[in-house]
Amino acid sequence: MPLLLLLVACSPVRLTDTTRLAPDPFGADPDNLATPYVVGASFQIILSTPKDPGGWTLQATDPDVLAVGEGEINRDEDGDGTVTFPVTAVGVGPVELVVHDNDGAEALRADARVAAPTRVELRSASDLELDPTAAALAVPKVLVGGTAAFRVDFFDGDTPLAGAGGLVATAGSGLVLEDKSTFPSDSDWLVVTPSDAGTLSLALATGGADAGSVSLEAVDSSSIAGITLDRDDEALAEDGEGLQVLATLEDDDGATIYGAAFTWTVGGEPLDAPGDVFTYTFDPSEATVVEVATGDLSETVTVHGRGGNVSDTSNVACAVANVGPVGAAVLLAAMGAVRRRRAAKA
């Protein structure tokens, strides 16, 4: 999956956008921009040309639909380069993007569209760490007092809408919205902490357009049946490679409960930071017992490796620093890699 989505793959002049940095679960055509865009989104469109990019321009035929800012030029050693334009989806409707070269001649014209969402879907950050095409959650379960993160995907009917940055969420009683500024900017995120048990709701809007509401079920510790451990497959790993173990909670029906804070003990030594992801360096000659615990529950797994640290899928700043969760998905998308998920569940 390319990091940027190409508009005209065979053209020496092309436009790309930055709305899909992470692996795209909706199968966007890699030979086109990610249009339609969700109203309120802010992103960049990159104009690439085999000529000196100085003086090249990008305009939208309707600035009340797509507002295009001043471009920033980047040249390579041959003088070729790109122009990066900040773009905001300010209104709903169709629009054309028109490129002119430094002589004022039209070099490219592309269709785009901005739409208001008719529905939304939620995907858990921890599920996305396992699988970038993870299924949407109807009513996710979150532990009371725990913090969980969910990606918000907007749709116009069955059509996914690209872009992010316009989300405004309003929490009802019993639910606290946490800081989401550490998450990748190509998607919208909700980071929530329930304080009361029960079905809790959030009203959503983007770019001034009502996007409806979503619900989650807040459950207390009496609902927890056990800990599940998902781990990377060591059979395909190379010496020195970073591998992970992800911890989640399950209820009696096997449904995941999100938001738990786990403590980790590695080779008998406790790690300082709580979190749901343990990252270690694979070493086939070194067996290490890892214990994860929350409340009165614990599970152990033997890994082959050394070192290790813990990150949390409810805080991607930590995850990126540790090459974990969603941060890892973004980095691996850039490299065109696919993670070897998953070996076994404990």
C-alpha atoms as a PDB file:
ATOM      1  CA  MET A   1       0.000   0.000   0.000  1.00  0.00           C
ATOM      2  CA  PRO A   2       1.676   3.261  -1.095  1.00  0.00           C
ATOM      3  CA  LEU A   3       2.108   5.957   1.514  1.00  0.00           C
ATOM      4  CA  LEU A   4       0.495   8.463  -0.841  1.00  0.00           C
ATOM      5  CA  LEU A   5      -2.324   7.711  -3.242  1.00  0.00           C
ATOM      6  CA  LEU A   6      -1.563   8.513  -6.871  1.00  0.00           C
ATOM      7  CA  LEU A   7      -4.034  10.336  -9.090  1.00  0.00           C
ATOM      8  CA  VAL A   8      -2.636   9.538 -12.534  1.00  0.00           C
ATOM      9  CA  ALA A   9       0.022   6.860 -12.243  1.00  0.00           C
ATOM     10  CA  CYS A  10       1.120   7.077 -15.870  1.00  0.00           C
ATOM     11  CA  SER A  11       1.317  10.883 -16.048  1.00  0.00           C
ATOM     12  CA  PRO A  12       4.620  12.726 -15.529  1.00  0.00           C
ATOM     13  CA  VAL A  13       2.539  15.285 -13.613  1.00  0.00           C
ATOM     14  CA  ARG A  14       0.480  13.854 -10.792  1.00  0.00           C
ATOM     15  CA  LEU A  15      -1.338  14.710  -7.585  1.00  0.00           C
ATOM     16  CA  THR A  16      -1.148  12.706  -4.375  1.00  0.00           C
ATOM     17  CA  ASP A  17      -2.742  13.183  -0.978  1.00  0.00           C
ATOM     18  CA  THR A  18      -1.883  12.372   2.619  1.00  0.00           C
ATOM     19  CA  THR A  19      -5.266  11.152   3.847  1.00  0.00           C
ATOM     20  CA  ARG A  20      -4.285   7.457   4.096  1.00  0.00           C
ATOM     21  CA  LEU A  21      -0.964   7.144   5.931  1.00  0.00           C
ATOM     22  CA  ALA A  22      -2.014   3.949   7.687  1.00  0.00           C
ATOM     23  CA  PRO A  23      -3.042   0.785   5.819  1.00  0.00           C
ATOM     24  CA  ASP A  24      -6.415   1.417   4.213  1.00  0.00           C
ATOM     25  CA  PRO A  25      -9.076  -1.080   5.366  1.00  0.00           C
ATOM     26  CA  PHE A  26     -11.503   0.024   2.652  1.00  0.00           C
ATOM     27  CA  GLY A  27      -9.492  -0.966  -0.418  1.00  0.00           C
ATOM     28  CA  ALA A  28      -9.002   2.497  -1.908  1.00  0.00           C
ATOM     29  CA  ASP A  29      -7.798   2.456  -5.513  1.00  0.00           C
ATOM     30  CA  PRO A  30      -4.045   3.196  -5.339  1.00  0.00           C
ATOM     31  CA  ASP A  31      -4.232   4.946  -8.731  1.00  0.00           C
ATOM     32  CA  ASN A  32      -6.573   7.674  -7.515  1.00  0.00           C
ATOM     33  CA  LEU A  33      -6.856  10.328  -4.875  1.00  0.00           C
ATOM     34  CA  ALA A  34      -8.794   9.209  -1.803  1.00  0.00           C
ATOM     35  CA  THR A  35     -11.803  11.375  -2.721  1.00  0.00           C
ATOM     36  CA  PRO A  36     -14.570  11.691  -1.569  1.00  0.00           C
ATOM     37  CA  TYR A  37     -13.341  13.599   1.467  1.00  0.00           C
ATOM     38  CA  VAL A  38     -15.227  14.146   4.694  1.00  0.00           C
ATOM     39  CA  VAL A  39     -16.291  17.729   5.334  1.00  0.00           C
ATOM     40  CA  GLY A  40     -14.031  19.371   7.884  1.00  0.00           C
ATOM     41  CA  ALA A  41     -10.950  17.376   6.905  1.00  0.00           C
ATOM     42  CA  SER A  42      -7.526  19.002   6.637  1.00  0.00           C
ATOM     43  CA  PHE A  43      -4.780  17.323   4.646  1.00  0.00           C
ATOM     44  CA  GLN A  44      -2.112  17.961   2.008  1.00  0.00           C
ATOM     45  CA  ILE A  45      -2.146  17.520  -1.749  1.00  0.00           C
ATOM     46  CA  ILE A  46       1.274  17.033  -3.312  1.00  0.00           C
ATOM     47  CA  LEU A  47       1.932  18.086  -6.904  1.00  0.00           C
ATOM     48  CA  SER A  48       4.781  16.119  -8.503  1.00  0.00           C
ATOM     49  CA  THR A  49       6.415  17.181 -11.757  1.00  0.00           C
ATOM     50  CA  PRO A  50       9.544  16.103 -13.675  1.00  0.00           C
ATOM     51  CA  LYS A  51      10.248  19.788 -14.280  1.00  0.00           C
ATOM     52  CA  ASP A  52      11.254  22.629 -11.984  1.00  0.00           C
ATOM     53  CA  PRO A  53       8.162  23.001  -9.747  1.00  0.00           C
ATOM     54  CA  GLY A  54       8.653  26.729  -9.269  1.00  0.00           C
ATOM     55  CA  GLY A  55       5.611  28.678 -10.410  1.00  0.00           C
ATOM     56  CA  TRP A  56       3.299  25.656 -10.638  1.00  0.00           C
ATOM     57  CA  THR A  57      -0.110  26.176  -9.053  1.00  0.00           C
ATOM     58  CA  LEU A  58      -3.064  24.163  -7.787  1.00  0.00           C
ATOM     59  CA  GLN A  59      -6.553  25.625  -7.662  1.00  0.00           C
ATOM     60  CA  ALA A  60      -9.988  24.300  -6.767  1.00  0.00           C
ATOM     61  CA  THR A  61     -12.803  25.361  -9.062  1.00  0.00           C
ATOM     62  CA  ASP A  62     -14.995  25.919  -5.997  1.00  0.00           C
ATOM     63  CA  PRO A  63     -13.039  27.258  -2.985  1.00  0.00           C
ATOM     64  CA  ASP A  64     -16.192  26.914  -0.892  1.00  0.00           C
ATOM     65  CA  VAL A  65     -15.769  23.134  -1.221  1.00  0.00           C
ATOM     66  CA  LEU A  66     -11.971  22.710  -1.120  1.00  0.00           C
ATOM     67  CA  ALA A  67      -9.848  25.588   0.163  1.00  0.00           C
ATOM     68  CA  VAL A  68      -6.281  25.298  -1.193  1.00  0.00           C
ATOM     69  CA  GLY A  69      -3.494  27.154   0.591  1.00  0.00           C
ATOM     70  CA  GLU A  70      -0.114  28.387  -0.591  1.00  0.00           C
ATOM     71  CA  GLY A  71       2.222  25.686  -1.853  1.00  0.00           C
ATOM     72  CA  GLU A  72       5.653  24.827  -0.456  1.00  0.00           C
ATOM     73  CA  ILE A  73       8.321  23.816  -2.987  1.00  0.00           C
ATOM     74  CA  ASN A  74      10.739  20.928  -2.453  1.00  0.00           C
ATOM     75  CA  ARG A  75      13.433  20.260  -5.070  1.00  0.00           C
ATOM     76  CA  ASP A  76      15.732  17.277  -5.544  1.00  0.00           C
ATOM     77  CA  GLU A  77      19.363  17.490  -6.683  1.00  0.00           C
ATOM     78  CA  ASP A  78      18.280  17.571 -10.352  1.00  0.00           C
ATOM     79  CA  GLY A  79      15.933  20.493  -9.778  1.00  0.00           C
ATOM     80  CA  ASP A  80      12.833  18.340 -10.137  1.00  0.00           C
ATOM     81  CA  GLY A  81      10.488  18.250  -7.190  1.00  0.00           C
ATOM     82  CA  THR A  82       7.114  18.677  -5.613  1.00  0.00           C
ATOM     83  CA  VAL A  83       4.815  21.382  -4.348  1.00  0.00           C
ATOM     84  CA  THR A  84       2.840  20.621  -1.182  1.00  0.00           C
ATOM     85  CA  PHE A  85      -0.478  22.427  -0.755  1.00  0.00           C
ATOM     86  CA  PRO A  86      -2.486  22.525   2.501  1.00  0.00           C
ATOM     87  CA  VAL A  87      -6.138  21.726   1.778  1.00  0.00           C
ATOM     88  CA  THR A  88      -9.299  21.978   3.877  1.00  0.00           C
ATOM     89  CA  ALA A  89     -12.645  20.419   2.978  1.00  0.00           C
ATOM     90  CA  VAL A  90     -14.819  23.385   3.949  1.00  0.00           C
ATOM     91  CA  GLY A  91     -18.102  22.552   2.223  1.00  0.00           C
ATOM     92  CA  VAL A  92     -20.108  19.766   0.630  1.00  0.00           C
ATOM     93  CA  GLY A  93     -20.193  19.242  -3.121  1.00  0.00           C
ATOM     94  CA  PRO A  94     -18.258  18.337  -6.284  1.00  0.00           C
ATOM     95  CA  VAL A  95     -15.106  20.214  -7.260  1.00  0.00           C
ATOM     96  CA  GLU A  96     -12.266  20.044  -9.750  1.00  0.00           C
ATOM     97  CA  LEU A  97      -8.580  20.392  -8.948  1.00  0.00           C
ATOM     98  CA  VAL A  98      -6.693  22.239 -11.692  1.00  0.00           C
ATOM     99  CA  VAL A  99      -2.913  22.296 -12.103  1.00  0.00           C
ATOM    100  CA  HIS A 100      -1.144  25.021 -14.124  1.00  0.00           C
ATOM    101  CA  ASP A 101       2.542  24.948 -15.022  1.00  0.00           C
ATOM    102  CA  ASN A 102       4.956  27.853 -14.679  1.00  0.00           C
ATOM    103  CA  ASP A 103       3.878  29.137 -18.100  1.00  0.00           C
ATOM    104  CA  GLY A 104       0.236  29.269 -16.997  1.00  0.00           C
ATOM    105  CA  ALA A 105      -0.801  26.335 -19.182  1.00  0.00           C
ATOM    106  CA  GLU A 106      -3.192  23.752 -17.762  1.00  0.00           C
ATOM    107  CA  ALA A 107      -1.256  20.568 -17.030  1.00  0.00           C
ATOM    108  CA  LEU A 108      -3.785  18.423 -15.167  1.00  0.00           C
ATOM    109  CA  ARG A 109      -7.425  18.443 -14.081  1.00  0.00           C
ATOM    110  CA  ALA A 110      -8.967  16.023 -11.575  1.00  0.00           C
ATOM    111  CA  ASP A 111     -12.419  15.486 -10.105  1.00  0.00           C
ATOM    112  CA  ALA A 112     -12.951  15.464  -6.343  1.00  0.00           C
ATOM    113  CA  ARG A 113     -15.899  15.581  -3.964  1.00  0.00           C
ATOM    114  CA  VAL A 114     -16.596  16.515  -0.350  1.00  0.00           C
ATOM    115  CA  ALA A 115     -19.481  14.873   1.511  1.00  0.00           C
ATOM    116  CA  ALA A 116     -21.133  15.003   4.905  1.00  0.00           C
ATOM    117  CA  PRO A 117     -21.203  11.654   6.711  1.00  0.00           C
ATOM    118  CA  THR A 118     -24.419   9.687   6.999  1.00  0.00           C
ATOM    119  CA  ARG A 119     -22.942   7.137   9.415  1.00  0.00           C
ATOM    120  CA  VAL A 120     -19.779   6.316  11.361  1.00  0.00           C
ATOM    121  CA  GLU A 121     -17.895   3.198  12.420  1.00  0.00           C
ATOM    122  CA  LEU A 122     -15.570   2.666  15.397  1.00  0.00           C
ATOM    123  CA  ARG A 123     -12.429   0.507  15.360  1.00  0.00           C
ATOM    124  CA  SER A 124     -10.295  -0.167  18.408  1.00  0.00           C
ATOM    125  CA  ALA A 125      -6.654   0.947  18.414  1.00  0.00           C
ATOM    126  CA  SER A 126      -5.656  -2.401  19.920  1.00  0.00           C
ATOM    127  CA  ASP A 127      -7.572  -4.335  17.229  1.00  0.00           C
ATOM    128  CA  LEU A 128      -5.874  -2.222  14.554  1.00  0.00           C
ATOM    129  CA  GLU A 129      -2.508  -3.087  16.080  1.00  0.00           C
ATOM    130  CA  LEU A 130      -3.320  -6.717  15.355  1.00  0.00           C
ATOM    131  CA  ASP A 131      -4.887  -6.139  11.956  1.00  0.00           C
ATOM    132  CA  PRO A 132      -5.112  -2.861   9.970  1.00  0.00           C
ATOM    133  CA  THR A 133      -8.327  -4.188   8.392  1.00  0.00           C
ATOM    134  CA  ALA A 134      -9.965  -4.909  11.777  1.00  0.00           C
ATOM    135  CA  ALA A 135     -13.748  -5.038  11.814  1.00  0.00           C
ATOM    136  CA  ALA A 136     -15.906  -2.216  13.105  1.00  0.00           C
ATOM    137  CA  LEU A 137     -17.402  -2.486  16.583  1.00  0.00           C
ATOM    138  CA  ALA A 138     -21.123  -2.022  17.100  1.00  0.00           C
ATOM    139  CA  VAL A 139     -21.003  -1.223  20.834  1.00  0.00           C
ATOM    140  CA  PRO A 140     -17.489  -1.733  22.231  1.00  0.00           C
ATOM    141  CA  LYS A 141     -17.040  -2.723  25.862  1.00  0.00           C
ATOM    142  CA  VAL A 142     -14.714  -0.542  27.963  1.00  0.00           C
ATOM    143  CA  LEU A 143     -13.607  -1.129  31.528  1.00  0.00           C
ATOM    144  CA  VAL A 144     -14.869   1.463  34.018  1.00  0.00           C
ATOM    145  CA  GLY A 145     -11.906   3.642  34.963  1.00  0.00           C
ATOM    146  CA  GLY A 146      -9.881   2.392  32.000  1.00  0.00           C
ATOM    147  CA  THR A 147      -8.897   4.405  28.942  1.00  0.00           C
ATOM    148  CA  ALA A 148      -9.449   3.097  25.403  1.00  0.00           C
ATOM    149  CA  ALA A 149      -8.886   4.577  21.952  1.00  0.00           C
ATOM    150  CA  PHE A 150     -11.075   4.134  18.873  1.00  0.00           C
ATOM    151  CA  ARG A 151     -10.636   5.289  15.304  1.00  0.00           C
ATOM    152  CA  VAL A 152     -13.678   7.033  13.839  1.00  0.00           C
ATOM    153  CA  ASP A 153     -14.381   6.181  10.187  1.00  0.00           C
ATOM    154  CA  PHE A 154     -16.928   8.295   8.327  1.00  0.00           C
ATOM    155  CA  PHE A 155     -19.155   7.068   5.505  1.00  0.00           C
ATOM    156  CA  ASP A 156     -21.592   8.516   3.005  1.00  0.00           C
ATOM    157  CA  GLY A 157     -23.881   5.516   2.711  1.00  0.00           C
ATOM    158  CA  ASP A 158     -21.468   2.679   1.981  1.00  0.00           C
ATOM    159  CA  THR A 159     -18.743   4.958   0.610  1.00  0.00           C
ATOM    160  CA  PRO A 160     -15.831   5.650   2.990  1.00  0.00           C
ATOM    161  CA  LEU A 161     -14.875   9.305   3.357  1.00  0.00           C
ATOM    162  CA  ALA A 162     -11.180  10.169   3.513  1.00  0.00           C
ATOM    163  CA  GLY A 163      -9.426  12.782   5.597  1.00  0.00           C
ATOM    164  CA  ALA A 164      -9.588  13.840   9.218  1.00  0.00           C
ATOM    165  CA  GLY A 165      -9.290  16.798  11.534  1.00  0.00           C
ATOM    166  CA  GLY A 166     -12.829  18.084  11.777  1.00  0.00           C
ATOM    167  CA  LEU A 167     -14.191  15.731  14.439  1.00  0.00           C
ATOM    168  CA  VAL A 168     -15.990  17.280  17.402  1.00  0.00           C
ATOM    169  CA  ALA A 169     -17.233  14.824  20.044  1.00  0.00           C
ATOM    170  CA  THR A 170     -19.568  15.596  22.936  1.00  0.00           C
ATOM    171  CA  ALA A 171     -19.660  13.043  25.737  1.00  0.00           C
ATOM    172  CA  GLY A 172     -22.734  12.290  27.776  1.00  0.00           C
ATOM    173  CA  SER A 173     -22.840  11.665  31.503  1.00  0.00           C
ATOM    174  CA  GLY A 174     -20.393   9.084  32.861  1.00  0.00           C
ATOM    175  CA  LEU A 175     -17.847   9.438  30.061  1.00  0.00           C
ATOM    176  CA  VAL A 176     -14.667  11.544  29.880  1.00  0.00           C
ATOM    177  CA  LEU A 177     -12.931  12.475  26.619  1.00  0.00           C
ATOM    178  CA  GLU A 178      -9.136  12.271  26.844  1.00  0.00           C
ATOM    179  CA  ASP A 179      -6.386  13.977  24.836  1.00  0.00           C
ATOM    180  CA  LYS A 180      -6.049  12.521  21.304  1.00  0.00           C
ATOM    181  CA  SER A 181      -3.276  14.806  20.021  1.00  0.00           C
ATOM    182  CA  THR A 182      -0.686  12.006  20.030  1.00  0.00           C
ATOM    183  CA  PHE A 183      -2.543   9.982  17.380  1.00  0.00           C
ATOM    184  CA  PRO A 184      -1.773   9.977  13.617  1.00  0.00           C
ATOM    185  CA  SER A 185      -3.405  12.922  11.849  1.00  0.00           C
ATOM    186  CA  ASP A 186      -4.678  10.942   8.851  1.00  0.00           C
ATOM    187  CA  SER A 187      -7.603   9.602  10.916  1.00  0.00           C
ATOM    188  CA  ASP A 188      -9.980  10.882  13.587  1.00  0.00           C
ATOM    189  CA  TRP A 189      -9.784   9.307  17.051  1.00  0.00           C
ATOM    190  CA  LEU A 190     -11.785   9.069  20.252  1.00  0.00           C
ATOM    191  CA  VAL A 191      -9.937   8.416  23.516  1.00  0.00           C
ATOM    192  CA  VAL A 192     -12.423   7.745  26.301  1.00  0.00           C
ATOM    193  CA  THR A 193     -12.544   6.907  30.008  1.00  0.00           C
ATOM    194  CA  PRO A 194     -15.898   5.770  31.423  1.00  0.00           C
ATOM    195  CA  SER A 195     -16.583   6.640  35.042  1.00  0.00           C
ATOM    196  CA  ASP A 196     -19.936   4.841  35.353  1.00  0.00           C
ATOM    197  CA  ALA A 197     -21.122   1.408  34.260  1.00  0.00           C
ATOM    198  CA  GLY A 198     -23.831   1.173  31.616  1.00  0.00           C
ATOM    199  CA  THR A 199     -24.449   2.179  28.017  1.00  0.00           C
ATOM    200  CA  LEU A 200     -22.829   5.577  27.383  1.00  0.00           C
ATOM    201  CA  SER A 201     -23.107   7.750  24.275  1.00  0.00           C
ATOM    202  CA  LEU A 202     -21.167  10.390  22.370  1.00  0.00           C
ATOM    203  CA  ALA A 203     -22.569  12.868  19.845  1.00  0.00           C
ATOM    204  CA  LEU A 204     -20.308  13.395  16.827  1.00  0.00           C
ATOM    205  CA  ALA A 205     -19.945  16.175  14.263  1.00  0.00           C
ATOM    206  CA  THR A 206     -17.350  17.073  11.641  1.00  0.00           C
ATOM    207  CA  GLY A 207     -16.911  20.348   9.815  1.00  0.00           C
ATOM    208  CA  GLY A 208     -20.166  21.566  11.342  1.00  0.00           C
ATOM    209  CA  ALA A 209     -22.116  18.587   9.963  1.00  0.00           C
ATOM    210  CA  ASP A 210     -23.984  16.315  12.388  1.00  0.00           C
ATOM    211  CA  ALA A 211     -22.531  12.795  12.229  1.00  0.00           C
ATOM    212  CA  GLY A 212     -24.953  11.124  14.644  1.00  0.00           C
ATOM    213  CA  SER A 213     -23.904   9.333  17.812  1.00  0.00           C
ATOM    214  CA  VAL A 214     -22.004   6.243  18.937  1.00  0.00           C
ATOM    215  CA  SER A 215     -22.381   4.145  22.067  1.00  0.00           C
ATOM    216  CA  LEU A 216     -20.143   2.035  24.238  1.00  0.00           C
ATOM    217  CA  GLU A 217     -20.877  -0.311  27.119  1.00  0.00           C
ATOM    218  CA  ALA A 218     -18.919   0.468  30.277  1.00  0.00           C
ATOM    219  CA  VAL A 219     -18.414  -2.631  32.424  1.00  0.00           C
ATOM    220  CA  ASP A 220     -16.876  -3.116  35.864  1.00  0.00           C
ATOM    221  CA  SER A 221     -14.302  -5.710  36.909  1.00  0.00           C
ATOM    222  CA  SER A 222     -16.986  -8.305  37.701  1.00  0.00           C
ATOM    223  CA  SER A 223     -17.428  -8.775  33.929  1.00  0.00           C
ATOM    224  CA  ILE A 224     -13.815  -9.872  33.397  1.00  0.00           C
ATOM    225  CA  ALA A 225     -13.319 -13.583  32.702  1.00  0.00           C
ATOM    226  CA  GLY A 226      -9.619 -13.609  31.853  1.00  0.00           C
ATOM    227  CA  ILE A 227      -6.615 -12.182  30.035  1.00  0.00           C
ATOM    228  CA  THR A 228      -5.853 -13.031  26.406  1.00  0.00           C
ATOM    229  CA  LEU A 229      -2.327 -12.698  25.000  1.00  0.00           C
ATOM    230  CA  ASP A 230      -1.714 -12.274  21.261  1.00  0.00           C
ATOM    231  CA  ARG A 231       1.908 -12.534  20.212  1.00  0.00           C
ATOM    232  CA  ASP A 232       4.001 -12.162  17.077  1.00  0.00           C
ATOM    233  CA  ASP A 233       5.042 -15.385  15.407  1.00  0.00           C
ATOM    234  CA  GLU A 234       8.641 -16.104  16.380  1.00  0.00           C
ATOM    235  CA  ALA A 235       8.899 -18.917  13.805  1.00  0.00           C
ATOM    236  CA  LEU A 236       9.267 -16.347  11.003  1.00  0.00           C
ATOM    237  CA  ALA A 237      11.285 -13.757  12.953  1.00  0.00           C
ATOM    238  CA  GLU A 238      14.924 -12.808  12.404  1.00  0.00           C
ATOM    239  CA  ASP A 239      17.488 -12.350  15.160  1.00  0.00           C
ATOM    240  CA  GLY A 240      17.369  -8.746  16.409  1.00  0.00           C
ATOM    241  CA  GLU A 241      13.845  -8.070  15.124  1.00  0.00           C
ATOM    242  CA  GLY A 242      11.367  -6.283  17.387  1.00  0.00           C
ATOM    243  CA  LEU A 243       8.366  -8.441  18.315  1.00  0.00           C
ATOM    244  CA  GLN A 244       5.307  -7.773  20.447  1.00  0.00           C
ATOM    245  CA  VAL A 245       2.831  -9.328  22.855  1.00  0.00           C
ATOM    246  CA  LEU A 246      -0.601  -7.677  23.167  1.00  0.00           C
ATOM    247  CA  ALA A 247      -2.776  -8.168  26.266  1.00  0.00           C
ATOM    248  CA  THR A 248      -6.561  -7.792  26.292  1.00  0.00           C
ATOM    249  CA  LEU A 249      -9.411  -8.736  28.608  1.00  0.00           C
ATOM    250  CA  GLU A 250     -12.357 -10.963  27.746  1.00  0.00           C
ATOM    251  CA  ASP A 251     -15.760 -11.488  29.327  1.00  0.00           C
ATOM    252  CA  ASP A 252     -17.552 -14.828  29.747  1.00  0.00           C
ATOM    253  CA  ASP A 253     -18.868 -14.640  26.178  1.00  0.00           C
ATOM    254  CA  GLY A 254     -15.411 -14.112  24.712  1.00  0.00           C
ATOM    255  CA  ALA A 255     -16.031 -10.450  23.902  1.00  0.00           C
ATOM    256  CA  THR A 256     -13.079  -8.102  24.289  1.00  0.00           C
ATOM    257  CA  ILE A 257     -13.115  -5.552  27.098  1.00  0.00           C
ATOM    258  CA  TYR A 258     -10.977  -2.553  26.166  1.00  0.00           C
ATOM    259  CA  GLY A 259      -9.140  -0.053  28.334  1.00  0.00           C
ATOM    260  CA  ALA A 260      -7.384  -2.171  30.966  1.00  0.00           C
ATOM    261  CA  ALA A 261      -3.982  -1.136  32.351  1.00  0.00           C
ATOM    262  CA  PHE A 262      -1.648  -4.124  32.627  1.00  0.00           C
ATOM    263  CA  THR A 263       1.566  -4.529  34.585  1.00  0.00           C
ATOM    264  CA  TRP A 264       4.406  -6.616  33.153  1.00  0.00           C
ATOM    265  CA  THR A 265       7.162  -8.674  34.777  1.00  0.00           C
ATOM    266  CA  VAL A 266       9.988  -9.857  32.528  1.00  0.00           C
ATOM    267  CA  GLY A 267      12.391 -12.504  33.781  1.00  0.00           C
ATOM    268  CA  GLY A 268      11.266 -11.777  37.322  1.00  0.00           C
ATOM    269  CA  GLU A 269      11.868  -8.016  37.003  1.00  0.00           C
ATOM    270  CA  PRO A 270       8.831  -5.702  36.955  1.00  0.00           C
ATOM    271  CA  LEU A 271       8.682  -3.045  34.248  1.00  0.00           C
ATOM    272  CA  ASP A 272       7.886   0.491  35.360  1.00  0.00           C
ATOM    273  CA  ALA A 273       5.209   1.568  32.864  1.00  0.00           C
ATOM    274  CA  PRO A 274       1.740   0.006  32.598  1.00  0.00           C
ATOM    275  CA  GLY A 275       0.282  -0.702  29.171  1.00  0.00           C
ATOM    276  CA  ASP A 276      -1.187  -3.365  26.917  1.00  0.00           C
ATOM    277  CA  VAL A 277       1.742  -3.990  24.536  1.00  0.00           C
ATOM    278  CA  PHE A 278       5.120  -5.528  25.424  1.00  0.00           C
ATOM    279  CA  THR A 279       7.877  -5.108  22.818  1.00  0.00           C
ATOM    280  CA  TYR A 280      11.100  -7.141  22.917  1.00  0.00           C
ATOM    281  CA  THR A 281      14.110  -7.926  20.701  1.00  0.00           C
ATOM    282  CA  PHE A 282      13.996 -11.443  19.255  1.00  0.00           C
ATOM    283  CA  ASP A 283      16.916 -13.682  20.214  1.00  0.00           C
ATOM    284  CA  PRO A 284      16.295 -17.418  19.584  1.00  0.00           C
ATOM    285  CA  SER A 285      18.967 -18.405  22.107  1.00  0.00           C
ATOM    286  CA  GLU A 286      17.389 -16.627  25.069  1.00  0.00           C
ATOM    287  CA  ALA A 287      14.103 -17.795  26.665  1.00  0.00           C
ATOM    288  CA  THR A 288      12.360 -15.289  28.908  1.00  0.00           C
ATOM    289  CA  VAL A 289       9.210 -15.733  31.001  1.00  0.00           C
ATOM    290  CA  VAL A 290       6.862 -12.747  30.725  1.00  0.00           C
ATOM    291  CA  GLU A 291       3.997 -12.264  33.191  1.00  0.00           C
ATOM    292  CA  VAL A 292       1.163  -9.800  32.610  1.00  0.00           C
ATOM    293  CA  ALA A 293      -1.318  -8.923  35.345  1.00  0.00           C
ATOM    294  CA  THR A 294      -4.291  -6.725  36.104  1.00  0.00           C
ATOM    295  CA  GLY A 295      -6.228  -6.849  39.350  1.00  0.00           C
ATOM    296  CA  ASP A 296      -6.226 -10.451  40.613  1.00  0.00           C
ATOM    297  CA  LEU A 297      -5.678 -11.931  37.141  1.00  0.00           C
ATOM    298  CA  SER A 298      -2.388 -12.877  35.519  1.00  0.00           C
ATOM    299  CA  GLU A 299      -1.059 -14.852  32.557  1.00  0.00           C
ATOM    300  CA  THR A 300       2.441 -15.913  31.556  1.00  0.00           C
ATOM    301  CA  VAL A 301       4.096 -16.532  28.212  1.00  0.00           C
ATOM    302  CA  THR A 302       7.634 -17.547  27.297  1.00  0.00           C
ATOM    303  CA  VAL A 303       9.283 -15.451  24.602  1.00  0.00           C
ATOM    304  CA  HIS A 304      12.717 -15.725  23.038  1.00  0.00           C
ATOM    305  CA  GLY A 305      14.393 -12.387  23.332  1.00  0.00           C
ATOM    306  CA  ARG A 306      16.069  -9.725  25.394  1.00  0.00           C
ATOM    307  CA  GLY A 307      15.241  -6.310  26.737  1.00  0.00           C
ATOM    308  CA  GLY A 308      11.732  -5.018  26.416  1.00  0.00           C
ATOM    309  CA  ASN A 309       9.432  -2.109  27.111  1.00  0.00           C
ATOM    310  CA  VAL A 310       5.720  -1.467  27.440  1.00  0.00           C
ATOM    311  CA  SER A 311       3.444   0.859  25.471  1.00  0.00           C
ATOM    312  CA  ASP A 312      -0.263   1.566  25.461  1.00  0.00           C
ATOM    313  CA  THR A 313      -2.682   1.639  22.537  1.00  0.00           C
ATOM    314  CA  SER A 314      -4.572   4.454  24.268  1.00  0.00           C
ATOM    315  CA  ASN A 315      -1.482   6.669  23.929  1.00  0.00           C
ATOM    316  CA  VAL A 316       0.144   6.468  20.512  1.00  0.00           C
ATOM    317  CA  ALA A 317       2.974   8.833  21.481  1.00  0.00           C
ATOM    318  CA  CYS A 318       4.356   6.006  23.608  1.00  0.00           C
ATOM    319  CA  ALA A 319       3.548   3.484  20.921  1.00  0.00           C
ATOM    320  CA  VAL A 320       5.488   5.353  18.247  1.00  0.00           C
ATOM    321  CA  ALA A 321       8.477   5.755  20.543  1.00  0.00           C
ATOM    322  CA  ASN A 322       8.491   2.008  21.185  1.00  0.00           C
ATOM    323  CA  VAL A 323       7.689   0.990  17.596  1.00  0.00           C
ATOM    324  CA  GLY A 324       4.350  -0.392  18.739  1.00  0.00           C
ATOM    325  CA  PRO A 325       0.568  -0.256  18.146  1.00  0.00           C
ATOM    326  CA  VAL A 326      -0.811   2.144  15.591  1.00  0.00           C
ATOM    327  CA  GLY A 327       2.552   3.880  15.216  1.00  0.00           C
ATOM    328  CA  ALA A 328       4.007   0.611  13.989  1.00  0.00           C
ATOM    329  CA  ALA A 329       1.166   0.209  11.517  1.00  0.00           C
ATOM    330  CA  VAL A 330       1.937   3.632  10.033  1.00  0.00           C
ATOM    331  CA  LEU A 331       5.664   2.927   9.781  1.00  0.00           C
ATOM    332  CA  LEU A 332       5.101  -0.474   8.230  1.00  0.00           C
ATOM    333  CA  ALA A 333       2.654   0.966   5.728  1.00  0.00           C
ATOM    334  CA  ALA A 334       5.370   3.372   4.619  1.00  0.00           C
ATOM    335  CA  MET A 335       7.726   0.440   4.048  1.00  0.00           C
ATOM    336  CA  GLY A 336       5.067  -1.622   2.287  1.00  0.00           C
ATOM    337  CA  ALA A 337       5.455  -4.333   4.910  1.00  0.00           C
ATOM    338  CA  VAL A 338       2.917  -6.715   6.390  1.00  0.00           C
ATOM    339  CA  ARG A 339       3.361  -7.819   9.984  1.00  0.00           C
ATOM    340  CA  ARG A 340       3.530 -11.508  10.777  1.00  0.00           C
ATOM    341  CA  ARG A 341       0.488 -11.563  13.078  1.00  0.00           C
ATOM    342  CA  ARG A 342      -0.118 -13.757  15.145  1.00  0.00           C
ATOM    343  CA  ALA A 343       1.351 -16.858  16.727  1.00  0.00           C
ATOM    344  CA  ALA A 344      -0.952 -17.965  19.522  1.00  0.00           C
ATOM    345  CA  LYS A 345      -3.372 -16.907  22.219  1.00  0.00           C
ATOM    346  CA  ALA A 346      -2.844 -17.674  25.890  1.00  0.00           C
END
